[in-house]
Amino acid sequence: MSVNENGLLDLSDDELDELFRSSPVGEIPDGEADGKVLVGSKNENVSDTVAWVAEQLAWKGKVFDREKGELRNKILPFGVKAVRAKVYKDASWFDGKETIVLDYSKTSVLAQRVRDEIREVAPGLYLGLVFWGKDKILHFSLRFDH
């Protein structure tokens, strides 16, 4: 299956989960990525709180520094780089297979209960899961233009 960023917008939560499950981990990315929140085309129960937070923070994407093993999120209308996370490979909370972990637990008071996991679904395109505590609450995509 050929995957592109706009095609991800048409997938249901179950289809996004299956794509994540079947995708290779890929390399830890480096550089700037544009991000999109994916709510699942068939998901009638999107959390109002999650939608509100994403809208208020105006999340735009992430900037990875592979050498340092960290990233910063691009937020607000001007893409301010804030909310740092550690980046490393580890077992996924979703399926136990290797994934790239974006860990906010020791780097952000605001997001310390958040853990993201990403896998590369196409060249330069990553699909992500957001966990709040141990609960998966959201999907997102990251597109790198290199």
C-alpha atoms as a PDB file:
ATOM      1  CA  MET A   1       0.000   0.000   0.000  1.00  0.00           C
ATOM      2  CA  SER A   2       1.369   3.401  -0.993  1.00  0.00           C
ATOM      3  CA  VAL A   3       0.968   5.894   1.847  1.00  0.00           C
ATOM      4  CA  ASN A   4       0.986   9.680   1.666  1.00  0.00           C
ATOM      5  CA  GLU A   5       0.205  12.415   4.183  1.00  0.00           C
ATOM      6  CA  ASN A   6      -3.262  13.241   2.819  1.00  0.00           C
ATOM      7  CA  GLY A   7      -4.159   9.545   2.625  1.00  0.00           C
ATOM      8  CA  LEU A   8      -3.599   9.242   6.377  1.00  0.00           C
ATOM      9  CA  LEU A   9      -6.402  11.772   6.930  1.00  0.00           C
ATOM     10  CA  ASP A  10      -8.885   9.340   5.354  1.00  0.00           C
ATOM     11  CA  LEU A  11      -8.045   6.366   7.575  1.00  0.00           C
ATOM     12  CA  SER A  12     -10.049   5.252  10.610  1.00  0.00           C
ATOM     13  CA  ASP A  13      -8.390   4.832  14.008  1.00  0.00           C
ATOM     14  CA  ASP A  14      -8.318   1.045  13.470  1.00  0.00           C
ATOM     15  CA  GLU A  15      -6.697   1.482  10.045  1.00  0.00           C
ATOM     16  CA  LEU A  16      -4.119   3.896  11.493  1.00  0.00           C
ATOM     17  CA  ASP A  17      -3.377   1.371  14.265  1.00  0.00           C
ATOM     18  CA  GLU A  18      -2.910  -1.412  11.700  1.00  0.00           C
ATOM     19  CA  LEU A  19      -0.600   0.772   9.582  1.00  0.00           C
ATOM     20  CA  PHE A  20       1.477   1.598  12.676  1.00  0.00           C
ATOM     21  CA  ARG A  21       1.597  -2.090  13.656  1.00  0.00           C
ATOM     22  CA  SER A  22       2.774  -3.176  10.187  1.00  0.00           C
ATOM     23  CA  SER A  23       5.349  -0.414   9.606  1.00  0.00           C
ATOM     24  CA  PRO A  24       9.108  -0.602  10.201  1.00  0.00           C
ATOM     25  CA  VAL A  25      10.612   1.569  12.922  1.00  0.00           C
ATOM     26  CA  GLY A  26      12.798   3.546  10.488  1.00  0.00           C
ATOM     27  CA  GLU A  27      15.686   5.740  11.509  1.00  0.00           C
ATOM     28  CA  ILE A  28      15.476   8.387  14.210  1.00  0.00           C
ATOM     29  CA  PRO A  29      14.701  11.486  12.156  1.00  0.00           C
ATOM     30  CA  ASP A  30      16.782  14.658  12.046  1.00  0.00           C
ATOM     31  CA  GLY A  31      15.572  18.154  11.231  1.00  0.00           C
ATOM     32  CA  GLU A  32      12.236  19.865  10.956  1.00  0.00           C
ATOM     33  CA  ALA A  33       8.922  18.097  10.308  1.00  0.00           C
ATOM     34  CA  ASP A  34       5.440  19.456   9.676  1.00  0.00           C
ATOM     35  CA  GLY A  35       2.838  17.750  11.822  1.00  0.00           C
ATOM     36  CA  LYS A  36      -0.868  16.980  11.552  1.00  0.00           C
ATOM     37  CA  VAL A  37      -3.241  15.667  14.185  1.00  0.00           C
ATOM     38  CA  LEU A  38      -5.126  12.652  12.795  1.00  0.00           C
ATOM     39  CA  VAL A  39      -8.506  12.092  14.402  1.00  0.00           C
ATOM     40  CA  GLY A  40      -9.559   9.088  12.329  1.00  0.00           C
ATOM     41  CA  SER A  41     -12.183   9.555   9.628  1.00  0.00           C
ATOM     42  CA  LYS A  42     -14.610   7.141  11.253  1.00  0.00           C
ATOM     43  CA  ASN A  43     -13.981   8.173  14.854  1.00  0.00           C
ATOM     44  CA  GLU A  44     -17.157   9.668  16.298  1.00  0.00           C
ATOM     45  CA  ASN A  45     -15.714   9.885  19.812  1.00  0.00           C
ATOM     46  CA  VAL A  46     -12.740  12.205  19.432  1.00  0.00           C
ATOM     47  CA  SER A  47     -11.927  13.606  22.822  1.00  0.00           C
ATOM     48  CA  ASP A  48     -13.106  17.192  23.126  1.00  0.00           C
ATOM     49  CA  THR A  49     -10.252  17.824  25.553  1.00  0.00           C
ATOM     50  CA  VAL A  50      -7.604  16.512  23.147  1.00  0.00           C
ATOM     51  CA  ALA A  51      -9.033  18.541  20.275  1.00  0.00           C
ATOM     52  CA  TRP A  52      -9.142  21.645  22.475  1.00  0.00           C
ATOM     53  CA  VAL A  53      -5.533  21.239  23.646  1.00  0.00           C
ATOM     54  CA  ALA A  54      -4.251  20.698  20.087  1.00  0.00           C
ATOM     55  CA  GLU A  55      -6.154  23.758  18.923  1.00  0.00           C
ATOM     56  CA  GLN A  56      -5.019  25.965  21.831  1.00  0.00           C
ATOM     57  CA  LEU A  57      -1.380  24.972  21.493  1.00  0.00           C
ATOM     58  CA  ALA A  58      -1.610  25.282  17.708  1.00  0.00           C
ATOM     59  CA  TRP A  59       0.811  22.381  17.279  1.00  0.00           C
ATOM     60  CA  LYS A  60       2.678  22.658  13.975  1.00  0.00           C
ATOM     61  CA  GLY A  61       5.202  19.807  14.127  1.00  0.00           C
ATOM     62  CA  LYS A  62       8.533  18.859  15.658  1.00  0.00           C
ATOM     63  CA  VAL A  63      12.221  19.684  15.224  1.00  0.00           C
ATOM     64  CA  PHE A  64      14.523  16.705  15.840  1.00  0.00           C
ATOM     65  CA  ASP A  65      18.192  16.813  16.827  1.00  0.00           C
ATOM     66  CA  ARG A  66      19.331  13.222  16.226  1.00  0.00           C
ATOM     67  CA  GLU A  67      22.841  13.869  17.604  1.00  0.00           C
ATOM     68  CA  LYS A  68      21.480  15.146  20.945  1.00  0.00           C
ATOM     69  CA  GLY A  69      18.683  12.555  21.039  1.00  0.00           C
ATOM     70  CA  GLU A  70      15.972  15.155  21.573  1.00  0.00           C
ATOM     71  CA  LEU A  71      13.331  17.276  19.904  1.00  0.00           C
ATOM     72  CA  ARG A  72      11.266  20.393  20.424  1.00  0.00           C
ATOM     73  CA  ASN A  73       7.670  20.845  19.344  1.00  0.00           C
ATOM     74  CA  LYS A  74       6.690  23.698  17.037  1.00  0.00           C
ATOM     75  CA  ILE A  75       3.691  25.394  18.608  1.00  0.00           C
ATOM     76  CA  LEU A  76       1.654  28.581  18.367  1.00  0.00           C
ATOM     77  CA  PRO A  77       1.049  30.488  15.133  1.00  0.00           C
ATOM     78  CA  PHE A  78       4.737  31.322  14.645  1.00  0.00           C
ATOM     79  CA  GLY A  79       6.119  27.825  15.247  1.00  0.00           C
ATOM     80  CA  VAL A  80       7.834  28.613  18.560  1.00  0.00           C
ATOM     81  CA  LYS A  81      10.113  25.705  19.466  1.00  0.00           C
ATOM     82  CA  ALA A  82       9.116  24.539  22.943  1.00  0.00           C
ATOM     83  CA  VAL A  83       8.131  21.425  24.929  1.00  0.00           C
ATOM     84  CA  ARG A  84      11.291  19.309  24.729  1.00  0.00           C
ATOM     85  CA  ALA A  85      11.398  15.492  24.619  1.00  0.00           C
ATOM     86  CA  LYS A  86      14.106  12.828  24.694  1.00  0.00           C
ATOM     87  CA  VAL A  87      14.198  10.639  21.558  1.00  0.00           C
ATOM     88  CA  TYR A  88      15.329   6.999  21.519  1.00  0.00           C
ATOM     89  CA  LYS A  89      14.355   3.532  20.277  1.00  0.00           C
ATOM     90  CA  ASP A  90      12.585   1.140  22.652  1.00  0.00           C
ATOM     91  CA  ALA A  91       9.705  -1.347  22.811  1.00  0.00           C
ATOM     92  CA  SER A  92       6.317   0.111  21.886  1.00  0.00           C
ATOM     93  CA  TRP A  93       3.602   0.328  24.539  1.00  0.00           C
ATOM     94  CA  PHE A  94       1.173  -0.354  21.675  1.00  0.00           C
ATOM     95  CA  ASP A  95       2.496  -3.649  20.278  1.00  0.00           C
ATOM     96  CA  GLY A  96       5.811  -4.419  21.999  1.00  0.00           C
ATOM     97  CA  LYS A  97       7.822  -4.078  18.753  1.00  0.00           C
ATOM     98  CA  GLU A  98      10.662  -1.574  18.332  1.00  0.00           C
ATOM     99  CA  THR A  99       9.570   2.033  17.905  1.00  0.00           C
ATOM    100  CA  ILE A 100      10.991   5.541  18.164  1.00  0.00           C
ATOM    101  CA  VAL A 101       9.959   6.982  21.527  1.00  0.00           C
ATOM    102  CA  LEU A 102       9.430  10.706  22.123  1.00  0.00           C
ATOM    103  CA  ASP A 103       9.603  10.865  25.910  1.00  0.00           C
ATOM    104  CA  TYR A 104       8.457  13.984  27.765  1.00  0.00           C
ATOM    105  CA  SER A 105       8.528  12.455  31.275  1.00  0.00           C
ATOM    106  CA  LYS A 106      11.793  14.093  32.389  1.00  0.00           C
ATOM    107  CA  THR A 107      11.905  17.141  30.107  1.00  0.00           C
ATOM    108  CA  SER A 108       8.527  18.867  30.434  1.00  0.00           C
ATOM    109  CA  VAL A 109       6.335  19.719  33.398  1.00  0.00           C
ATOM    110  CA  LEU A 110       3.460  20.496  31.026  1.00  0.00           C
ATOM    111  CA  ALA A 111       3.722  17.207  29.102  1.00  0.00           C
ATOM    112  CA  GLN A 112       5.349  14.856  31.630  1.00  0.00           C
ATOM    113  CA  ARG A 113       2.507  12.287  31.296  1.00  0.00           C
ATOM    114  CA  VAL A 114       2.846  12.274  27.476  1.00  0.00           C
ATOM    115  CA  ARG A 115       4.739   9.691  25.450  1.00  0.00           C
ATOM    116  CA  ASP A 116       4.698   9.654  21.659  1.00  0.00           C
ATOM    117  CA  GLU A 117       5.761   6.733  19.496  1.00  0.00           C
ATOM    118  CA  ILE A 118       6.547   7.035  15.780  1.00  0.00           C
ATOM    119  CA  ARG A 119       7.296   4.672  12.886  1.00  0.00           C
ATOM    120  CA  GLU A 120       8.173   5.451   9.280  1.00  0.00           C
ATOM    121  CA  VAL A 121       5.234   4.585   6.983  1.00  0.00           C
ATOM    122  CA  ALA A 122       6.757   6.034   3.784  1.00  0.00           C
ATOM    123  CA  PRO A 123      10.043   7.802   2.970  1.00  0.00           C
ATOM    124  CA  GLY A 124      10.094  10.969   5.106  1.00  0.00           C
ATOM    125  CA  LEU A 125       6.605  10.277   6.536  1.00  0.00           C
ATOM    126  CA  TYR A 126       6.090   9.053  10.097  1.00  0.00           C
ATOM    127  CA  LEU A 127       2.883   7.935  11.813  1.00  0.00           C
ATOM    128  CA  GLY A 128       2.693   8.652  15.516  1.00  0.00           C
ATOM    129  CA  LEU A 129       0.700   7.573  18.535  1.00  0.00           C
ATOM    130  CA  VAL A 130       0.190   9.794  21.582  1.00  0.00           C
ATOM    131  CA  PHE A 131      -0.135   8.211  25.020  1.00  0.00           C
ATOM    132  CA  TRP A 132      -1.438  10.040  28.093  1.00  0.00           C
ATOM    133  CA  GLY A 133      -0.198   7.908  30.955  1.00  0.00           C
ATOM    134  CA  LYS A 134      -0.582   4.436  29.405  1.00  0.00           C
ATOM    135  CA  ASP A 135      -3.734   5.320  27.397  1.00  0.00           C
ATOM    136  CA  LYS A 136      -3.420   5.845  23.626  1.00  0.00           C
ATOM    137  CA  ILE A 137      -5.394   9.013  22.897  1.00  0.00           C
ATOM    138  CA  LEU A 138      -4.424  10.267  19.449  1.00  0.00           C
ATOM    139  CA  HIS A 139      -2.633   9.683  16.115  1.00  0.00           C
ATOM    140  CA  PHE A 140      -0.469  12.225  14.291  1.00  0.00           C
ATOM    141  CA  SER A 141       1.758  12.424  11.257  1.00  0.00           C
ATOM    142  CA  LEU A 142       5.159  14.021  10.685  1.00  0.00           C
ATOM    143  CA  ARG A 143       6.378  14.909   7.205  1.00  0.00           C
ATOM    144  CA  PHE A 144      10.045  15.677   6.546  1.00  0.00           C
ATOM    145  CA  ASP A 145      10.906  17.498   3.304  1.00  0.00           C
ATOM    146  CA  HIS A 146      14.476  16.407   2.599  1.00  0.00           C
END
